[in-house]
Amino acid sequence: MSSKDENQQKVENKPADNKPKDSKTPKYIGITLIAIGVALLIFVFYEAYLSFLNPGFISNLNSLTSSNTIPISFTAEALVILLIKVAFLGIALAAGSTILSKGVELIK
């Protein structure tokens, strides 16, 4: 074996970084991400619960039912409001669960 081959083997076996790595930093970031994810999920479920208890367009519906007709504009407006709420809750739920899963991955 030539000296060149021996030097290549030594370079391959040598560790790339001799500095001690701080293994606690990813765990702290993971714990922080888990806390943010759980807080976001709690917020989403709280908002969904409040929307369930007090949907804004149902109270207007009671005043309109006495005439036995509901204008189409009211129905369209209520549907748009409902879709916006559902879209907001869906996006926030997806973001919270993604943040939570990344935090769990960092802890592992």
PDB file of N, CA and C in Angstrom:
ATOM      1  N   MET A   1       0.837  -1.169   0.000  1.00  0.00           N
ATOM      2  CA  MET A   1       0.000   0.000   0.000  1.00  0.00           C
ATOM      3  C   MET A   1       0.890   1.243   0.000  1.00  0.00           C
ATOM      4  N   SER A   2       0.521   2.209  -0.750  1.00  0.00           N
ATOM      5  CA  SER A   2       1.324   3.427  -0.810  1.00  0.00           C
ATOM      6  C   SER A   2       0.925   4.361   0.314  1.00  0.00           C
ATOM      7  N   SER A   3       1.737   5.358   0.531  1.00  0.00           N
ATOM      8  CA  SER A   3       1.443   6.315   1.600  1.00  0.00           C
ATOM      9  C   SER A   3       0.212   7.148   1.272  1.00  0.00           C
ATOM     10  N   LYS A   4      -0.058   7.315  -0.012  1.00  0.00           N
ATOM     11  CA  LYS A   4      -1.249   8.056  -0.417  1.00  0.00           C
ATOM     12  C   LYS A   4      -2.517   7.319  -0.005  1.00  0.00           C
ATOM     13  N   ASP A   5      -2.532   6.001  -0.176  1.00  0.00           N
ATOM     14  CA  ASP A   5      -3.685   5.199   0.230  1.00  0.00           C
ATOM     15  C   ASP A   5      -3.879   5.232   1.744  1.00  0.00           C
ATOM     16  N   GLU A   6      -2.781   5.198   2.487  1.00  0.00           N
ATOM     17  CA  GLU A   6      -2.872   5.242   3.942  1.00  0.00           C
ATOM     18  C   GLU A   6      -3.432   6.584   4.417  1.00  0.00           C
ATOM     19  N   ASN A   7      -3.015   7.676   3.770  1.00  0.00           N
ATOM     20  CA  ASN A   7      -3.524   9.001   4.144  1.00  0.00           C
ATOM     21  C   ASN A   7      -5.015   9.123   3.850  1.00  0.00           C
ATOM     22  N   GLN A   8      -5.480   8.534   2.743  1.00  0.00           N
ATOM     23  CA  GLN A   8      -6.896   8.580   2.423  1.00  0.00           C
ATOM     24  C   GLN A   8      -7.722   7.808   3.445  1.00  0.00           C
ATOM     25  N   GLN A   9      -7.203   6.681   3.915  1.00  0.00           N
ATOM     26  CA  GLN A   9      -7.916   5.907   4.924  1.00  0.00           C
ATOM     27  C   GLN A   9      -7.986   6.671   6.247  1.00  0.00           C
ATOM     28  N   LYS A  10      -6.917   7.373   6.608  1.00  0.00           N
ATOM     29  CA  LYS A  10      -6.925   8.156   7.840  1.00  0.00           C
ATOM     30  C   LYS A  10      -7.922   9.306   7.751  1.00  0.00           C
ATOM     31  N   VAL A  11      -8.000   9.942   6.589  1.00  0.00           N
ATOM     32  CA  VAL A  11      -8.924  11.041   6.416  1.00  0.00           C
ATOM     33  C   VAL A  11     -10.363  10.529   6.480  1.00  0.00           C
ATOM     34  N   GLU A  12     -10.641   9.358   5.914  1.00  0.00           N
ATOM     35  CA  GLU A  12     -11.980   8.807   5.939  1.00  0.00           C
ATOM     36  C   GLU A  12     -12.411   8.406   7.336  1.00  0.00           C
ATOM     37  N   ASN A  13     -11.503   7.943   8.158  1.00  0.00           N
ATOM     38  CA  ASN A  13     -11.835   7.492   9.506  1.00  0.00           C
ATOM     39  C   ASN A  13     -11.893   8.641  10.511  1.00  0.00           C
ATOM     40  N   LYS A  14     -11.342   9.801  10.153  1.00  0.00           N
ATOM     41  CA  LYS A  14     -11.294  10.930  11.069  1.00  0.00           C
ATOM     42  C   LYS A  14     -12.675  11.549  11.202  1.00  0.00           C
ATOM     43  N   PRO A  15     -13.144  11.819  12.415  1.00  0.00           N
ATOM     44  CA  PRO A  15     -14.444  12.464  12.566  1.00  0.00           C
ATOM     45  C   PRO A  15     -14.398  13.883  11.993  1.00  0.00           C
ATOM     46  N   ALA A  16     -15.489  14.311  11.422  1.00  0.00           N
ATOM     47  CA  ALA A  16     -15.537  15.598  10.746  1.00  0.00           C
ATOM     48  C   ALA A  16     -15.487  16.767  11.728  1.00  0.00           C
ATOM     49  N   ASP A  17     -16.074  16.619  12.889  1.00  0.00           N
ATOM     50  CA  ASP A  17     -16.157  17.725  13.832  1.00  0.00           C
ATOM     51  C   ASP A  17     -15.843  17.200  15.225  1.00  0.00           C
ATOM     52  N   ASN A  18     -14.847  17.767  15.863  1.00  0.00           N
ATOM     53  CA  ASN A  18     -14.452  17.316  17.194  1.00  0.00           C
ATOM     54  C   ASN A  18     -15.127  18.112  18.296  1.00  0.00           C
ATOM     55  N   LYS A  19     -15.941  19.112  17.939  1.00  0.00           N
ATOM     56  CA  LYS A  19     -16.602  19.930  18.947  1.00  0.00           C
ATOM     57  C   LYS A  19     -17.762  19.158  19.571  1.00  0.00           C
ATOM     58  N   PRO A  20     -17.918  19.263  20.872  1.00  0.00           N
ATOM     59  CA  PRO A  20     -19.091  18.607  21.482  1.00  0.00           C
ATOM     60  C   PRO A  20     -20.356  19.358  21.082  1.00  0.00           C
ATOM     61  N   LYS A  21     -21.345  18.609  20.662  1.00  0.00           N
ATOM     62  CA  LYS A  21     -22.607  19.220  20.231  1.00  0.00           C
ATOM     63  C   LYS A  21     -23.557  19.310  21.418  1.00  0.00           C
ATOM     64  N   ASP A  22     -24.312  20.389  21.452  1.00  0.00           N
ATOM     65  CA  ASP A  22     -25.314  20.570  22.499  1.00  0.00           C
ATOM     66  C   ASP A  22     -26.580  19.837  22.078  1.00  0.00           C
ATOM     67  N   SER A  23     -26.833  18.694  22.688  1.00  0.00           N
ATOM     68  CA  SER A  23     -27.983  17.875  22.297  1.00  0.00           C
ATOM     69  C   SER A  23     -29.284  18.370  22.916  1.00  0.00           C
ATOM     70  N   LYS A  24     -29.221  19.334  23.821  1.00  0.00           N
ATOM     71  CA  LYS A  24     -30.444  19.824  24.468  1.00  0.00           C
ATOM     72  C   LYS A  24     -31.169  20.866  23.632  1.00  0.00           C
ATOM     73  N   THR A  25     -30.466  21.531  22.730  1.00  0.00           N
ATOM     74  CA  THR A  25     -31.099  22.589  21.935  1.00  0.00           C
ATOM     75  C   THR A  25     -32.255  22.075  21.091  1.00  0.00           C
ATOM     76  N   PRO A  26     -32.098  20.975  20.310  1.00  0.00           N
ATOM     77  CA  PRO A  26     -33.272  20.497  19.546  1.00  0.00           C
ATOM     78  C   PRO A  26     -34.436  20.079  20.440  1.00  0.00           C
ATOM     79  N   LYS A  27     -34.133  19.574  21.622  1.00  0.00           N
ATOM     80  CA  LYS A  27     -35.208  19.183  22.532  1.00  0.00           C
ATOM     81  C   LYS A  27     -35.968  20.406  23.035  1.00  0.00           C
ATOM     82  N   TYR A  28     -35.245  21.490  23.329  1.00  0.00           N
ATOM     83  CA  TYR A  28     -35.917  22.710  23.778  1.00  0.00           C
ATOM     84  C   TYR A  28     -36.771  23.303  22.661  1.00  0.00           C
ATOM     85  N   ILE A  29     -36.239  23.281  21.450  1.00  0.00           N
ATOM     86  CA  ILE A  29     -37.017  23.770  20.308  1.00  0.00           C
ATOM     87  C   ILE A  29     -38.231  22.877  20.091  1.00  0.00           C
ATOM     88  N   GLY A  30     -38.053  21.562  20.245  1.00  0.00           N
ATOM     89  CA  GLY A  30     -39.168  20.631  20.102  1.00  0.00           C
ATOM     90  C   GLY A  30     -40.250  20.862  21.133  1.00  0.00           C
ATOM     91  N   ILE A  31     -39.849  21.096  22.359  1.00  0.00           N
ATOM     92  CA  ILE A  31     -40.823  21.361  23.430  1.00  0.00           C
ATOM     93  C   ILE A  31     -41.565  22.660  23.147  1.00  0.00           C
ATOM     94  N   THR A  32     -40.840  23.673  22.658  1.00  0.00           N
ATOM     95  CA  THR A  32     -41.476  24.942  22.309  1.00  0.00           C
ATOM     96  C   THR A  32     -42.482  24.764  21.175  1.00  0.00           C
ATOM     97  N   LEU A  33     -42.098  23.995  20.149  1.00  0.00           N
ATOM     98  CA  LEU A  33     -43.013  23.750  19.034  1.00  0.00           C
ATOM     99  C   LEU A  33     -44.236  22.955  19.479  1.00  0.00           C
ATOM    100  N   ILE A  34     -44.039  22.012  20.378  1.00  0.00           N
ATOM    101  CA  ILE A  34     -45.178  21.254  20.901  1.00  0.00           C
ATOM    102  C   ILE A  34     -46.131  22.186  21.656  1.00  0.00           C
ATOM    103  N   ALA A  35     -45.572  23.083  22.460  1.00  0.00           N
ATOM    104  CA  ALA A  35     -46.414  24.021  23.213  1.00  0.00           C
ATOM    105  C   ALA A  35     -47.191  24.938  22.267  1.00  0.00           C
ATOM    106  N   ILE A  36     -46.528  25.424  21.216  1.00  0.00           N
ATOM    107  CA  ILE A  36     -47.211  26.285  20.246  1.00  0.00           C
ATOM    108  C   ILE A  36     -48.295  25.502  19.516  1.00  0.00           C
ATOM    109  N   GLY A  37     -47.990  24.274  19.110  1.00  0.00           N
ATOM    110  CA  GLY A  37     -48.964  23.452  18.403  1.00  0.00           C
ATOM    111  C   GLY A  37     -50.177  23.128  19.248  1.00  0.00           C
ATOM    112  N   VAL A  38     -49.947  22.778  20.499  1.00  0.00           N
ATOM    113  CA  VAL A  38     -51.065  22.460  21.392  1.00  0.00           C
ATOM    114  C   VAL A  38     -51.906  23.716  21.649  1.00  0.00           C
ATOM    115  N   ALA A  39     -51.242  24.865  21.845  1.00  0.00           N
ATOM    116  CA  ALA A  39     -51.983  26.112  22.064  1.00  0.00           C
ATOM    117  C   ALA A  39     -52.830  26.458  20.841  1.00  0.00           C
ATOM    118  N   LEU A  40     -52.289  26.255  19.658  1.00  0.00           N
ATOM    119  CA  LEU A  40     -53.049  26.542  18.443  1.00  0.00           C
ATOM    120  C   LEU A  40     -54.226  25.588  18.285  1.00  0.00           C
ATOM    121  N   LEU A  41     -54.028  24.331  18.614  1.00  0.00           N
ATOM    122  CA  LEU A  41     -55.130  23.372  18.532  1.00  0.00           C
ATOM    123  C   LEU A  41     -56.219  23.683  19.552  1.00  0.00           C
ATOM    124  N   ILE A  42     -55.822  24.072  20.741  1.00  0.00           N
ATOM    125  CA  ILE A  42     -56.813  24.450  21.756  1.00  0.00           C
ATOM    126  C   ILE A  42     -57.595  25.670  21.294  1.00  0.00           C
ATOM    127  N   PHE A  43     -56.906  26.636  20.694  1.00  0.00           N
ATOM    128  CA  PHE A  43     -57.574  27.824  20.169  1.00  0.00           C
ATOM    129  C   PHE A  43     -58.586  27.455  19.091  1.00  0.00           C
ATOM    130  N   VAL A  44     -58.204  26.553  18.195  1.00  0.00           N
ATOM    131  CA  VAL A  44     -59.102  26.141  17.114  1.00  0.00           C
ATOM    132  C   VAL A  44     -60.345  25.459  17.679  1.00  0.00           C
ATOM    133  N   PHE A  45     -60.164  24.542  18.612  1.00  0.00           N
ATOM    134  CA  PHE A  45     -61.319  23.850  19.178  1.00  0.00           C
ATOM    135  C   PHE A  45     -62.191  24.800  19.999  1.00  0.00           C
ATOM    136  N   TYR A  46     -61.586  25.768  20.662  1.00  0.00           N
ATOM    137  CA  TYR A  46     -62.360  26.754  21.409  1.00  0.00           C
ATOM    138  C   TYR A  46     -63.201  27.612  20.463  1.00  0.00           C
ATOM    139  N   GLU A  47     -62.588  28.071  19.377  1.00  0.00           N
ATOM    140  CA  GLU A  47     -63.326  28.874  18.393  1.00  0.00           C
ATOM    141  C   GLU A  47     -64.447  28.063  17.744  1.00  0.00           C
ATOM    142  N   ALA A  48     -64.186  26.801  17.447  1.00  0.00           N
ATOM    143  CA  ALA A  48     -65.227  25.947  16.863  1.00  0.00           C
ATOM    144  C   ALA A  48     -66.370  25.754  17.858  1.00  0.00           C
ATOM    145  N   TYR A  49     -66.031  25.588  19.115  1.00  0.00           N
ATOM    146  CA  TYR A  49     -67.053  25.422  20.148  1.00  0.00           C
ATOM    147  C   TYR A  49     -67.906  26.681  20.281  1.00  0.00           C
ATOM    148  N   LEU A  50     -67.256  27.853  20.273  1.00  0.00           N
ATOM    149  CA  LEU A  50     -68.012  29.103  20.355  1.00  0.00           C
ATOM    150  C   LEU A  50     -68.896  29.303  19.126  1.00  0.00           C
ATOM    151  N   SER A  51     -68.400  28.927  17.966  1.00  0.00           N
ATOM    152  CA  SER A  51     -69.215  29.040  16.753  1.00  0.00           C
ATOM    153  C   SER A  51     -70.397  28.083  16.791  1.00  0.00           C
ATOM    154  N   PHE A  52     -70.178  26.943  17.400  1.00  0.00           N
ATOM    155  CA  PHE A  52     -71.269  25.979  17.532  1.00  0.00           C
ATOM    156  C   PHE A  52     -72.347  26.493  18.475  1.00  0.00           C
ATOM    157  N   LEU A  53     -71.913  27.114  19.586  1.00  0.00           N
ATOM    158  CA  LEU A  53     -72.875  27.617  20.567  1.00  0.00           C
ATOM    159  C   LEU A  53     -73.630  28.842  20.078  1.00  0.00           C
ATOM    160  N   ASN A  54     -72.976  29.698  19.309  1.00  0.00           N
ATOM    161  CA  ASN A  54     -73.603  30.951  18.901  1.00  0.00           C
ATOM    162  C   ASN A  54     -73.341  31.224  17.420  1.00  0.00           C
ATOM    163  N   PRO A  55     -74.016  30.515  16.537  1.00  0.00           N
ATOM    164  CA  PRO A  55     -73.871  30.867  15.119  1.00  0.00           C
ATOM    165  C   PRO A  55     -74.625  32.168  14.859  1.00  0.00           C
ATOM    166  N   GLY A  56     -73.978  33.158  14.306  1.00  0.00           N
ATOM    167  CA  GLY A  56     -74.555  34.489  14.170  1.00  0.00           C
ATOM    168  C   GLY A  56     -75.750  34.565  13.257  1.00  0.00           C
ATOM    169  N   PHE A  57     -75.799  33.761  12.223  1.00  0.00           N
ATOM    170  CA  PHE A  57     -76.879  33.899  11.249  1.00  0.00           C
ATOM    171  C   PHE A  57     -78.168  33.203  11.683  1.00  0.00           C
ATOM    172  N   ILE A  58     -78.142  32.329  12.689  1.00  0.00           N
ATOM    173  CA  ILE A  58     -79.354  31.641  13.128  1.00  0.00           C
ATOM    174  C   ILE A  58     -80.310  32.603  13.830  1.00  0.00           C
ATOM    175  N   SER A  59     -79.776  33.556  14.573  1.00  0.00           N
ATOM    176  CA  SER A  59     -80.657  34.503  15.270  1.00  0.00           C
ATOM    177  C   SER A  59     -81.428  35.362  14.279  1.00  0.00           C
ATOM    178  N   ASN A  60     -80.820  35.692  13.146  1.00  0.00           N
ATOM    179  CA  ASN A  60     -81.531  36.456  12.113  1.00  0.00           C
ATOM    180  C   ASN A  60     -82.573  35.595  11.415  1.00  0.00           C
ATOM    181  N   LEU A  61     -82.345  34.311  11.385  1.00  0.00           N
ATOM    182  CA  LEU A  61     -83.266  33.405  10.709  1.00  0.00           C
ATOM    183  C   LEU A  61     -84.621  33.350  11.429  1.00  0.00           C
ATOM    184  N   ASN A  62     -84.623  33.459  12.742  1.00  0.00           N
ATOM    185  CA  ASN A  62     -85.870  33.407  13.510  1.00  0.00           C
ATOM    186  C   ASN A  62     -86.805  34.558  13.155  1.00  0.00           C
ATOM    187  N   SER A  63     -86.253  35.736  12.908  1.00  0.00           N
ATOM    188  CA  SER A  63     -87.105  36.878  12.561  1.00  0.00           C
ATOM    189  C   SER A  63     -87.657  36.756  11.139  1.00  0.00           C
ATOM    190  N   LEU A  64     -86.957  36.025  10.297  1.00  0.00           N
ATOM    191  CA  LEU A  64     -87.400  35.883   8.915  1.00  0.00           C
ATOM    192  C   LEU A  64     -88.404  34.745   8.723  1.00  0.00           C
ATOM    193  N   THR A  65     -88.460  33.803   9.637  1.00  0.00           N
ATOM    194  CA  THR A  65     -89.341  32.654   9.451  1.00  0.00           C
ATOM    195  C   THR A  65     -90.804  32.981   9.675  1.00  0.00           C
ATOM    196  N   SER A  66     -91.095  34.107  10.277  1.00  0.00           N
ATOM    197  CA  SER A  66     -92.498  34.454  10.494  1.00  0.00           C
ATOM    198  C   SER A  66     -93.213  34.753   9.172  1.00  0.00           C
ATOM    199  N   SER A  67     -92.458  35.182   8.170  1.00  0.00           N
ATOM    200  CA  SER A  67     -93.092  35.488   6.886  1.00  0.00           C
ATOM    201  C   SER A  67     -93.064  34.291   5.932  1.00  0.00           C
ATOM    202  N   ASN A  68     -92.532  33.174   6.352  1.00  0.00           N
ATOM    203  CA  ASN A  68     -92.453  31.932   5.583  1.00  0.00           C
ATOM    204  C   ASN A  68     -91.599  32.032   4.313  1.00  0.00           C
ATOM    205  N   THR A  69     -90.873  33.094   4.148  1.00  0.00           N
ATOM    206  CA  THR A  69     -89.948  33.211   3.020  1.00  0.00           C
ATOM    207  C   THR A  69     -88.595  33.679   3.530  1.00  0.00           C
ATOM    208  N   ILE A  70     -87.559  33.126   2.966  1.00  0.00           N
ATOM    209  CA  ILE A  70     -86.197  33.512   3.315  1.00  0.00           C
ATOM    210  C   ILE A  70     -85.548  34.037   2.044  1.00  0.00           C
ATOM    211  N   PRO A  71     -85.096  35.277   2.054  1.00  0.00           N
ATOM    212  CA  PRO A  71     -84.470  35.820   0.850  1.00  0.00           C
ATOM    213  C   PRO A  71     -83.199  35.048   0.485  1.00  0.00           C
ATOM    214  N   ILE A  72     -82.944  34.905  -0.809  1.00  0.00           N
ATOM    215  CA  ILE A  72     -81.775  34.168  -1.277  1.00  0.00           C
ATOM    216  C   ILE A  72     -80.481  34.880  -0.901  1.00  0.00           C
ATOM    217  N   SER A  73     -80.538  36.206  -0.806  1.00  0.00           N
ATOM    218  CA  SER A  73     -79.327  36.946  -0.425  1.00  0.00           C
ATOM    219  C   SER A  73     -78.916  36.607   1.004  1.00  0.00           C
ATOM    220  N   PHE A  74     -79.894  36.425   1.881  1.00  0.00           N
ATOM    221  CA  PHE A  74     -79.582  36.048   3.263  1.00  0.00           C
ATOM    222  C   PHE A  74     -78.962  34.650   3.304  1.00  0.00           C
ATOM    223  N   THR A  75     -79.497  33.742   2.520  1.00  0.00           N
ATOM    224  CA  THR A  75     -78.970  32.377   2.483  1.00  0.00           C
ATOM    225  C   THR A  75     -77.546  32.356   1.950  1.00  0.00           C
ATOM    226  N   ALA A  76     -77.287  33.117   0.893  1.00  0.00           N
ATOM    227  CA  ALA A  76     -75.946  33.173   0.317  1.00  0.00           C
ATOM    228  C   ALA A  76     -74.959  33.807   1.298  1.00  0.00           C
ATOM    229  N   GLU A  77     -75.388  34.861   1.956  1.00  0.00           N
ATOM    230  CA  GLU A  77     -74.517  35.519   2.927  1.00  0.00           C
ATOM    231  C   GLU A  77     -74.184  34.574   4.087  1.00  0.00           C
ATOM    232  N   ALA A  78     -75.176  33.859   4.579  1.00  0.00           N
ATOM    233  CA  ALA A  78     -74.943  32.916   5.676  1.00  0.00           C
ATOM    234  C   ALA A  78     -74.009  31.797   5.240  1.00  0.00           C
ATOM    235  N   LEU A  79     -74.161  31.333   4.006  1.00  0.00           N
ATOM    236  CA  LEU A  79     -73.297  30.270   3.497  1.00  0.00           C
ATOM    237  C   LEU A  79     -71.853  30.743   3.355  1.00  0.00           C
ATOM    238  N   VAL A  80     -71.657  31.958   2.883  1.00  0.00           N
ATOM    239  CA  VAL A  80     -70.297  32.507   2.746  1.00  0.00           C
ATOM    240  C   VAL A  80     -69.649  32.661   4.114  1.00  0.00           C
ATOM    241  N   ILE A  81     -70.388  33.177   5.079  1.00  0.00           N
ATOM    242  CA  ILE A  81     -69.846  33.325   6.434  1.00  0.00           C
ATOM    243  C   ILE A  81     -69.465  31.966   7.006  1.00  0.00           C
ATOM    244  N   LEU A  82     -70.322  30.986   6.810  1.00  0.00           N
ATOM    245  CA  LEU A  82     -70.047  29.643   7.307  1.00  0.00           C
ATOM    246  C   LEU A  82     -68.821  29.040   6.636  1.00  0.00           C
ATOM    247  N   LEU A  83     -68.676  29.219   5.338  1.00  0.00           N
ATOM    248  CA  LEU A  83     -67.516  28.684   4.620  1.00  0.00           C
ATOM    249  C   LEU A  83     -66.220  29.360   5.050  1.00  0.00           C
ATOM    250  N   ILE A  84     -66.278  30.657   5.310  1.00  0.00           N
ATOM    251  CA  ILE A  84     -65.084  31.367   5.783  1.00  0.00           C
ATOM    252  C   ILE A  84     -64.665  30.849   7.157  1.00  0.00           C
ATOM    253  N   LYS A  85     -65.632  30.637   8.032  1.00  0.00           N
ATOM    254  CA  LYS A  85     -65.309  30.099   9.366  1.00  0.00           C
ATOM    255  C   LYS A  85     -64.709  28.703   9.278  1.00  0.00           C
ATOM    256  N   VAL A  86     -65.299  27.862   8.450  1.00  0.00           N
ATOM    257  CA  VAL A  86     -64.793  26.492   8.300  1.00  0.00           C
ATOM    258  C   VAL A  86     -63.400  26.491   7.685  1.00  0.00           C
ATOM    259  N   ALA A  87     -63.170  27.356   6.697  1.00  0.00           N
ATOM    260  CA  ALA A  87     -61.846  27.432   6.069  1.00  0.00           C
ATOM    261  C   ALA A  87     -60.799  27.909   7.069  1.00  0.00           C
ATOM    262  N   PHE A  88     -61.137  28.920   7.858  1.00  0.00           N
ATOM    263  CA  PHE A  88     -60.211  29.410   8.876  1.00  0.00           C
ATOM    264  C   PHE A  88     -59.875  28.321   9.892  1.00  0.00           C
ATOM    265  N   LEU A  89     -60.889  27.640  10.357  1.00  0.00           N
ATOM    266  CA  LEU A  89     -60.650  26.579  11.341  1.00  0.00           C
ATOM    267  C   LEU A  89     -59.853  25.431  10.736  1.00  0.00           C
ATOM    268  N   GLY A  90     -60.116  25.097   9.475  1.00  0.00           N
ATOM    269  CA  GLY A  90     -59.373  24.024   8.819  1.00  0.00           C
ATOM    270  C   GLY A  90     -57.906  24.361   8.633  1.00  0.00           C
ATOM    271  N   ILE A  91     -57.622  25.586   8.211  1.00  0.00           N
ATOM    272  CA  ILE A  91     -56.227  26.004   8.020  1.00  0.00           C
ATOM    273  C   ILE A  91     -55.500  26.064   9.359  1.00  0.00           C
ATOM    274  N   ALA A  92     -56.142  26.620  10.363  1.00  0.00           N
ATOM    275  CA  ALA A  92     -55.514  26.697  11.686  1.00  0.00           C
ATOM    276  C   ALA A  92     -55.299  25.306  12.277  1.00  0.00           C
ATOM    277  N   LEU A  93     -56.230  24.398  12.045  1.00  0.00           N
ATOM    278  CA  LEU A  93     -56.082  23.031  12.535  1.00  0.00           C
ATOM    279  C   LEU A  93     -54.922  22.323  11.837  1.00  0.00           C
ATOM    280  N   ALA A  94     -54.800  22.497  10.541  1.00  0.00           N
ATOM    281  CA  ALA A  94     -53.692  21.888   9.800  1.00  0.00           C
ATOM    282  C   ALA A  94     -52.352  22.460  10.245  1.00  0.00           C
ATOM    283  N   ALA A  95     -52.292  23.774  10.457  1.00  0.00           N
ATOM    284  CA  ALA A  95     -51.046  24.401  10.909  1.00  0.00           C
ATOM    285  C   ALA A  95     -50.670  23.920  12.307  1.00  0.00           C
ATOM    286  N   GLY A  96     -51.642  23.860  13.199  1.00  0.00           N
ATOM    287  CA  GLY A  96     -51.360  23.400  14.559  1.00  0.00           C
ATOM    288  C   GLY A  96     -50.878  21.968  14.605  1.00  0.00           C
ATOM    289  N   SER A  97     -51.504  21.104  13.822  1.00  0.00           N
ATOM    290  CA  SER A  97     -51.086  19.700  13.841  1.00  0.00           C
ATOM    291  C   SER A  97     -49.719  19.527  13.186  1.00  0.00           C
ATOM    292  N   THR A  98     -49.399  20.325  12.167  1.00  0.00           N
ATOM    293  CA  THR A  98     -48.076  20.247  11.539  1.00  0.00           C
ATOM    294  C   THR A  98     -46.994  20.726  12.500  1.00  0.00           C
ATOM    295  N   ILE A  99     -47.238  21.834  13.171  1.00  0.00           N
ATOM    296  CA  ILE A  99     -46.266  22.342  14.148  1.00  0.00           C
ATOM    297  C   ILE A  99     -46.071  21.336  15.270  1.00  0.00           C
ATOM    298  N   LEU A 100     -47.146  20.744  15.738  1.00  0.00           N
ATOM    299  CA  LEU A 100     -47.055  19.746  16.804  1.00  0.00           C
ATOM    300  C   LEU A 100     -46.257  18.530  16.356  1.00  0.00           C
ATOM    301  N   SER A 101     -46.470  18.062  15.140  1.00  0.00           N
ATOM    302  CA  SER A 101     -45.741  16.879  14.662  1.00  0.00           C
ATOM    303  C   SER A 101     -44.257  17.180  14.489  1.00  0.00           C
ATOM    304  N   LYS A 102     -43.908  18.387  14.027  1.00  0.00           N
ATOM    305  CA  LYS A 102     -42.484  18.753  13.894  1.00  0.00           C
ATOM    306  C   LYS A 102     -41.827  18.836  15.266  1.00  0.00           C
ATOM    307  N   GLY A 103     -42.556  19.303  16.258  1.00  0.00           N
ATOM    308  CA  GLY A 103     -42.004  19.341  17.606  1.00  0.00           C
ATOM    309  C   GLY A 103     -41.743  17.956  18.163  1.00  0.00           C
ATOM    310  N   VAL A 104     -42.650  17.028  17.893  1.00  0.00           N
ATOM    311  CA  VAL A 104     -42.458  15.642  18.346  1.00  0.00           C
ATOM    312  C   VAL A 104     -41.265  15.009  17.635  1.00  0.00           C
ATOM    313  N   GLU A 105     -41.091  15.306  16.345  1.00  0.00           N
ATOM    314  CA  GLU A 105     -39.957  14.772  15.598  1.00  0.00           C
ATOM    315  C   GLU A 105     -38.631  15.284  16.159  1.00  0.00           C
ATOM    316  N   LEU A 106     -38.599  16.539  16.590  1.00  0.00           N
ATOM    317  CA  LEU A 106     -37.365  17.092  17.138  1.00  0.00           C
ATOM    318  C   LEU A 106     -37.001  16.467  18.483  1.00  0.00           C
ATOM    319  N   ILE A 107     -37.986  16.092  19.250  1.00  0.00           N
ATOM    320  CA  ILE A 107     -37.708  15.489  20.551  1.00  0.00           C
ATOM    321  C   ILE A 107     -37.148  14.077  20.390  1.00  0.00           C
ATOM    322  N   LYS A 108     -37.644  13.365  19.374  1.00  0.00           N
ATOM    323  CA  LYS A 108     -37.171  11.981  19.177  1.00  0.00           C
ATOM    324  C   LYS A 108     -35.745  11.917  18.873  1.00  0.00           C
TER     325      LYS A 108
END
